[in-house]
Amino acid sequence: FVLQVVGDSMVEDGILDGDWVVAEEREKADNGELVVALIDEEETTLKRIEQHPDEIILHPANASHSAQHYSPERVRIQGVIVSQMRRFF
């Protein structure tokens, strides 16, 4: 599936507001992968994932943003990013 990026949390990885990302639909990811994560069945975010038995940490690629810490039951992985597209005018 394809999503349009909103926000600047991944700019240091070269993913900018308005870019399009292509995700492989998956429910599991390896630590360090860039994922589309659904938080509390309400909010979707694009971050690098770090998984522990009692905690999931979602890391932004922007020094002005903080990592997000969640209990595992609050986070559902929807996909892993496999490609990125940018439109130039």
C-alpha atoms as a PDB file:
ATOM      1  CA  PHE A   1       0.000   0.000   0.000  1.00  0.00           C
ATOM      2  CA  VAL A   2       1.010   3.635  -0.503  1.00  0.00           C
ATOM      3  CA  LEU A   3       0.767   6.490   2.014  1.00  0.00           C
ATOM      4  CA  GLN A   4       1.507  10.187   1.784  1.00  0.00           C
ATOM      5  CA  VAL A   5       3.791  11.466   4.541  1.00  0.00           C
ATOM      6  CA  VAL A   6       2.526  14.285   6.742  1.00  0.00           C
ATOM      7  CA  GLY A   7       5.002  15.948   9.083  1.00  0.00           C
ATOM      8  CA  ASP A   8       8.742  16.218   9.599  1.00  0.00           C
ATOM      9  CA  SER A   9       9.546  13.423  12.038  1.00  0.00           C
ATOM     10  CA  MET A  10      11.625  11.459   9.496  1.00  0.00           C
ATOM     11  CA  VAL A  11      13.529  14.254   7.711  1.00  0.00           C
ATOM     12  CA  GLU A  12      16.966  13.019   8.807  1.00  0.00           C
ATOM     13  CA  ASP A  13      16.220   9.783   6.906  1.00  0.00           C
ATOM     14  CA  GLY A  14      15.363  11.883   3.838  1.00  0.00           C
ATOM     15  CA  ILE A  15      11.611  11.357   4.149  1.00  0.00           C
ATOM     16  CA  LEU A  16       9.903  14.719   3.797  1.00  0.00           C
ATOM     17  CA  ASP A  17       6.415  16.084   4.298  1.00  0.00           C
ATOM     18  CA  GLY A  18       4.431  15.300   1.133  1.00  0.00           C
ATOM     19  CA  ASP A  19       6.569  12.318   0.072  1.00  0.00           C
ATOM     20  CA  TRP A  20       4.896   9.033  -0.761  1.00  0.00           C
ATOM     21  CA  VAL A  21       6.052   5.778   0.842  1.00  0.00           C
ATOM     22  CA  VAL A  22       5.325   2.247  -0.309  1.00  0.00           C
ATOM     23  CA  ALA A  23       4.786  -0.289   2.460  1.00  0.00           C
ATOM     24  CA  GLU A  24       4.806  -4.063   2.337  1.00  0.00           C
ATOM     25  CA  GLU A  25       1.807  -5.159   4.382  1.00  0.00           C
ATOM     26  CA  ARG A  26       3.173  -7.052   7.391  1.00  0.00           C
ATOM     27  CA  GLU A  27       2.214  -7.517  11.028  1.00  0.00           C
ATOM     28  CA  LYS A  28       5.785  -8.104  12.229  1.00  0.00           C
ATOM     29  CA  ALA A  29       9.027  -6.194  11.748  1.00  0.00           C
ATOM     30  CA  ASP A  30      12.643  -6.517  12.771  1.00  0.00           C
ATOM     31  CA  ASN A  31      14.150  -3.966  15.127  1.00  0.00           C
ATOM     32  CA  GLY A  32      15.427  -0.982  13.196  1.00  0.00           C
ATOM     33  CA  GLU A  33      12.985  -1.332  10.319  1.00  0.00           C
ATOM     34  CA  LEU A  34      10.920   1.628   9.220  1.00  0.00           C
ATOM     35  CA  VAL A  35       7.301   0.774   9.941  1.00  0.00           C
ATOM     36  CA  VAL A  36       3.791   2.076   9.595  1.00  0.00           C
ATOM     37  CA  ALA A  37       2.407   1.636  13.109  1.00  0.00           C
ATOM     38  CA  LEU A  38      -1.152   2.086  14.310  1.00  0.00           C
ATOM     39  CA  ILE A  39      -1.282   3.478  17.864  1.00  0.00           C
ATOM     40  CA  ASP A  40      -4.333   2.759  20.018  1.00  0.00           C
ATOM     41  CA  GLU A  41      -6.319   1.887  16.852  1.00  0.00           C
ATOM     42  CA  GLU A  42      -6.495   5.656  16.171  1.00  0.00           C
ATOM     43  CA  GLU A  43      -3.281   7.241  14.935  1.00  0.00           C
ATOM     44  CA  THR A  44      -0.888   6.023  12.263  1.00  0.00           C
ATOM     45  CA  THR A  45       2.778   6.957  12.390  1.00  0.00           C
ATOM     46  CA  LEU A  46       5.921   6.255  10.376  1.00  0.00           C
ATOM     47  CA  LYS A  47       8.933   5.502  12.600  1.00  0.00           C
ATOM     48  CA  ARG A  48      11.864   3.108  13.174  1.00  0.00           C
ATOM     49  CA  ILE A  49      10.828   0.362  15.558  1.00  0.00           C
ATOM     50  CA  GLU A  50      12.579  -1.070  18.602  1.00  0.00           C
ATOM     51  CA  GLN A  51      10.728  -3.954  20.245  1.00  0.00           C
ATOM     52  CA  HIS A  52      11.124  -5.391  23.733  1.00  0.00           C
ATOM     53  CA  PRO A  53       8.842  -7.862  25.550  1.00  0.00           C
ATOM     54  CA  ASP A  54       7.298  -5.109  27.683  1.00  0.00           C
ATOM     55  CA  GLU A  55       7.771  -2.027  25.486  1.00  0.00           C
ATOM     56  CA  ILE A  56       7.794  -0.795  21.914  1.00  0.00           C
ATOM     57  CA  ILE A  57       9.798   2.309  21.126  1.00  0.00           C
ATOM     58  CA  LEU A  58       9.127   4.251  17.942  1.00  0.00           C
ATOM     59  CA  HIS A  59      12.116   6.381  16.937  1.00  0.00           C
ATOM     60  CA  PRO A  60      11.815   9.506  14.789  1.00  0.00           C
ATOM     61  CA  ALA A  61      14.595  10.662  12.482  1.00  0.00           C
ATOM     62  CA  ASN A  62      14.480  14.267  13.628  1.00  0.00           C
ATOM     63  CA  ALA A  63      16.525  15.479  16.576  1.00  0.00           C
ATOM     64  CA  SER A  64      13.743  17.875  17.610  1.00  0.00           C
ATOM     65  CA  HIS A  65      11.317  14.962  18.164  1.00  0.00           C
ATOM     66  CA  SER A  66      11.377  12.474  21.047  1.00  0.00           C
ATOM     67  CA  ALA A  67      11.059   8.710  20.839  1.00  0.00           C
ATOM     68  CA  GLN A  68       7.583   7.384  21.601  1.00  0.00           C
ATOM     69  CA  HIS A  69       7.255   4.606  24.210  1.00  0.00           C
ATOM     70  CA  TYR A  70       4.259   2.257  24.261  1.00  0.00           C
ATOM     71  CA  SER A  71       3.170  -1.013  25.791  1.00  0.00           C
ATOM     72  CA  PRO A  72       3.038  -3.708  23.062  1.00  0.00           C
ATOM     73  CA  GLU A  73      -0.754  -4.018  23.134  1.00  0.00           C
ATOM     74  CA  ARG A  74      -1.090  -0.367  22.062  1.00  0.00           C
ATOM     75  CA  VAL A  75       0.909  -0.762  18.830  1.00  0.00           C
ATOM     76  CA  ARG A  76      -0.085  -2.691  15.719  1.00  0.00           C
ATOM     77  CA  ILE A  77       2.396  -2.896  12.859  1.00  0.00           C
ATOM     78  CA  GLN A  78       0.606  -2.408   9.554  1.00  0.00           C
ATOM     79  CA  GLY A  79       3.573  -2.558   7.203  1.00  0.00           C
ATOM     80  CA  VAL A  80       7.269  -2.057   6.567  1.00  0.00           C
ATOM     81  CA  ILE A  81       8.485   0.673   4.206  1.00  0.00           C
ATOM     82  CA  VAL A  82      10.090  -0.661   1.036  1.00  0.00           C
ATOM     83  CA  SER A  83      10.226   2.431  -1.184  1.00  0.00           C
ATOM     84  CA  GLN A  84       9.805   6.186  -1.247  1.00  0.00           C
ATOM     85  CA  MET A  85       8.679   8.598  -3.958  1.00  0.00           C
ATOM     86  CA  ARG A  86       8.857  12.358  -4.239  1.00  0.00           C
ATOM     87  CA  ARG A  87       7.065  14.550  -6.690  1.00  0.00           C
ATOM     88  CA  PHE A  88       8.998  17.458  -8.175  1.00  0.00           C
ATOM     89  CA  PHE A  89       7.117  20.325  -9.765  1.00  0.00           C
END
